[in-house]
Amino acid sequence: MTKTQVMRIVRETATQKKANLSREEKQAVFNNVVDGLYREGRISRKQMTSWTHAFWTQQQQLIQFRL
């Protein structure tokens, strides 16, 4: 499974459900899906980390910048 496939599935599901999510909410949903895929053994730990790490680093930088 690739990151592009996961993003497409999440996007299509949100569109079908008419979910109006903020950027942060969309990323949280994506992270939850990726965590679930990892727990089920469908993706490796390396994939999980690389797909979700960049966002959390950005969030931490924004928080520090605001302080």
N, C-alpha and C. Protein backbone atom coordinates (compact mmCIF):
# COMPACT_ATOMS: atom_id res chain seq x y z
N MET A 1 0.84 -1.17 0.00
CA MET A 1 0.00 0.00 0.00
C MET A 1 0.90 1.24 0.00
N THR A 2 0.52 2.22 -0.79
CA THR A 2 1.31 3.44 -0.87
C THR A 2 0.60 4.60 -0.16
N LYS A 3 1.36 5.63 0.13
CA LYS A 3 0.80 6.82 0.78
C LYS A 3 -0.25 7.45 -0.12
N THR A 4 0.00 7.46 -1.41
CA THR A 4 -0.95 8.03 -2.36
C THR A 4 -2.29 7.30 -2.31
N GLN A 5 -2.24 5.98 -2.22
CA GLN A 5 -3.47 5.20 -2.13
C GLN A 5 -4.25 5.54 -0.86
N VAL A 6 -3.54 5.63 0.24
CA VAL A 6 -4.20 5.94 1.52
C VAL A 6 -4.83 7.33 1.45
N MET A 7 -4.10 8.30 0.93
CA MET A 7 -4.62 9.67 0.83
C MET A 7 -5.86 9.71 -0.06
N ARG A 8 -5.84 8.97 -1.15
CA ARG A 8 -6.99 8.95 -2.07
C ARG A 8 -8.21 8.36 -1.38
N ILE A 9 -8.03 7.27 -0.66
CA ILE A 9 -9.14 6.61 0.03
C ILE A 9 -9.73 7.53 1.11
N VAL A 10 -8.87 8.17 1.89
CA VAL A 10 -9.34 9.09 2.93
C VAL A 10 -10.09 10.25 2.29
N ARG A 11 -9.55 10.81 1.21
CA ARG A 11 -10.19 11.94 0.52
C ARG A 11 -11.56 11.55 -0.03
N GLU A 12 -11.64 10.38 -0.69
CA GLU A 12 -12.90 9.93 -1.27
C GLU A 12 -13.95 9.68 -0.19
N THR A 13 -13.53 9.10 0.91
CA THR A 13 -14.45 8.82 2.01
C THR A 13 -14.97 10.12 2.61
N ALA A 14 -14.10 11.08 2.82
CA ALA A 14 -14.51 12.37 3.37
C ALA A 14 -15.48 13.08 2.41
N THR A 15 -15.25 12.96 1.12
CA THR A 15 -16.12 13.58 0.13
C THR A 15 -17.50 12.91 0.14
N GLN A 16 -17.53 11.59 0.21
CA GLN A 16 -18.80 10.86 0.24
C GLN A 16 -19.60 11.19 1.49
N LYS A 17 -18.91 11.37 2.60
CA LYS A 17 -19.58 11.67 3.87
C LYS A 17 -19.86 13.16 4.03
N LYS A 18 -19.43 13.95 3.04
CA LYS A 18 -19.58 15.40 3.06
C LYS A 18 -18.99 16.02 4.33
N ALA A 19 -17.85 15.50 4.71
CA ALA A 19 -17.15 16.01 5.90
C ALA A 19 -16.44 17.31 5.55
N ASN A 20 -16.67 18.32 6.34
CA ASN A 20 -16.01 19.61 6.16
C ASN A 20 -14.98 19.75 7.28
N LEU A 21 -13.78 19.24 7.03
CA LEU A 21 -12.75 19.18 8.05
C LEU A 21 -11.68 20.24 7.82
N SER A 22 -11.10 20.72 8.91
CA SER A 22 -9.97 21.63 8.80
C SER A 22 -8.74 20.84 8.39
N ARG A 23 -7.68 21.53 8.08
CA ARG A 23 -6.44 20.87 7.68
C ARG A 23 -5.92 19.96 8.80
N GLU A 24 -5.97 20.45 10.03
CA GLU A 24 -5.50 19.67 11.15
C GLU A 24 -6.36 18.42 11.37
N GLU A 25 -7.67 18.57 11.19
CA GLU A 25 -8.57 17.42 11.35
C GLU A 25 -8.31 16.37 10.26
N LYS A 26 -8.07 16.84 9.05
CA LYS A 26 -7.76 15.91 7.95
C LYS A 26 -6.48 15.14 8.26
N GLN A 27 -5.48 15.84 8.77
CA GLN A 27 -4.23 15.18 9.09
C GLN A 27 -4.42 14.19 10.23
N ALA A 28 -5.25 14.54 11.21
CA ALA A 28 -5.52 13.62 12.32
C ALA A 28 -6.20 12.35 11.83
N VAL A 29 -7.15 12.49 10.90
CA VAL A 29 -7.81 11.31 10.33
C VAL A 29 -6.79 10.47 9.59
N PHE A 30 -5.96 11.10 8.78
CA PHE A 30 -4.92 10.38 8.04
C PHE A 30 -4.00 9.63 9.00
N ASN A 31 -3.57 10.31 10.06
CA ASN A 31 -2.68 9.67 11.04
C ASN A 31 -3.35 8.47 11.70
N ASN A 32 -4.63 8.59 12.03
CA ASN A 32 -5.36 7.47 12.63
C ASN A 32 -5.45 6.29 11.67
N VAL A 33 -5.70 6.57 10.40
CA VAL A 33 -5.76 5.51 9.39
C VAL A 33 -4.40 4.82 9.27
N VAL A 34 -3.35 5.61 9.20
CA VAL A 34 -2.00 5.06 9.08
C VAL A 34 -1.65 4.22 10.31
N ASP A 35 -2.00 4.69 11.50
CA ASP A 35 -1.76 3.92 12.72
C ASP A 35 -2.49 2.58 12.66
N GLY A 36 -3.73 2.60 12.18
CA GLY A 36 -4.49 1.36 12.05
C GLY A 36 -3.87 0.40 11.06
N LEU A 37 -3.41 0.93 9.93
CA LEU A 37 -2.75 0.08 8.93
C LEU A 37 -1.50 -0.56 9.51
N TYR A 38 -0.77 0.20 10.31
CA TYR A 38 0.44 -0.34 10.94
C TYR A 38 0.09 -1.45 11.94
N ARG A 39 -0.92 -1.20 12.77
CA ARG A 39 -1.34 -2.21 13.75
C ARG A 39 -1.79 -3.50 13.07
N GLU A 40 -2.42 -3.38 11.90
CA GLU A 40 -2.89 -4.55 11.16
C GLU A 40 -1.78 -5.23 10.37
N GLY A 41 -0.61 -4.61 10.33
CA GLY A 41 0.52 -5.18 9.61
C GLY A 41 0.50 -4.93 8.11
N ARG A 42 -0.29 -3.95 7.68
CA ARG A 42 -0.39 -3.66 6.23
C ARG A 42 0.71 -2.73 5.74
N ILE A 43 1.31 -1.98 6.68
CA ILE A 43 2.45 -1.12 6.33
C ILE A 43 3.53 -1.33 7.39
N SER A 44 4.74 -0.96 7.03
CA SER A 44 5.87 -1.13 7.96
C SER A 44 5.96 0.07 8.91
N ARG A 45 6.73 -0.11 9.96
CA ARG A 45 6.97 0.99 10.91
C ARG A 45 7.66 2.15 10.19
N LYS A 46 8.57 1.84 9.29
CA LYS A 46 9.27 2.87 8.55
C LYS A 46 8.29 3.71 7.73
N GLN A 47 7.33 3.04 7.07
CA GLN A 47 6.32 3.78 6.30
C GLN A 47 5.49 4.66 7.23
N MET A 48 5.03 4.09 8.34
CA MET A 48 4.21 4.84 9.28
C MET A 48 4.94 6.09 9.75
N THR A 49 6.18 5.94 10.13
CA THR A 49 6.96 7.06 10.64
C THR A 49 7.18 8.12 9.57
N SER A 50 7.55 7.70 8.38
CA SER A 50 7.84 8.68 7.33
C SER A 50 6.59 9.40 6.86
N TRP A 51 5.45 8.73 6.88
CA TRP A 51 4.21 9.35 6.43
C TRP A 51 3.65 10.33 7.45
N THR A 52 3.90 10.12 8.72
CA THR A 52 3.29 10.97 9.75
C THR A 52 4.28 11.90 10.42
N HIS A 53 5.56 11.64 10.35
CA HIS A 53 6.57 12.42 11.08
C HIS A 53 6.63 13.87 10.64
N ALA A 54 6.55 14.13 9.35
CA ALA A 54 6.71 15.50 8.85
C ALA A 54 5.65 16.43 9.43
N PHE A 55 4.42 15.96 9.52
CA PHE A 55 3.36 16.81 10.05
C PHE A 55 3.61 17.16 11.52
N TRP A 56 3.98 16.18 12.31
CA TRP A 56 4.18 16.44 13.73
C TRP A 56 5.36 17.38 13.94
N THR A 57 6.38 17.28 13.11
CA THR A 57 7.50 18.20 13.22
C THR A 57 7.04 19.62 12.91
N GLN A 58 6.22 19.78 11.88
CA GLN A 58 5.67 21.08 11.53
C GLN A 58 4.83 21.64 12.67
N GLN A 59 3.97 20.81 13.26
CA GLN A 59 3.13 21.25 14.36
C GLN A 59 3.97 21.73 15.53
N GLN A 60 5.02 20.99 15.87
CA GLN A 60 5.87 21.37 16.98
C GLN A 60 6.55 22.70 16.69
N GLN A 61 6.97 22.92 15.45
CA GLN A 61 7.61 24.18 15.09
C GLN A 61 6.63 25.33 15.21
N LEU A 62 5.38 25.12 14.78
CA LEU A 62 4.38 26.17 14.88
C LEU A 62 4.09 26.52 16.33
N ILE A 63 4.00 25.52 17.17
CA ILE A 63 3.74 25.75 18.59
C ILE A 63 4.88 26.55 19.21
N GLN A 64 6.12 26.16 18.90
CA GLN A 64 7.27 26.88 19.45
C GLN A 64 7.32 28.31 18.93
N PHE A 65 6.95 28.50 17.64
CA PHE A 65 6.98 29.83 17.05
C PHE A 65 5.97 30.75 17.74
N ARG A 66 4.81 30.20 18.08
CA ARG A 66 3.76 31.00 18.74
C ARG A 66 4.13 31.38 20.16
N LEU A 67 4.97 30.59 20.80
CA LEU A 67 5.38 30.89 22.19
C LEU A 67 6.40 31.97 22.12
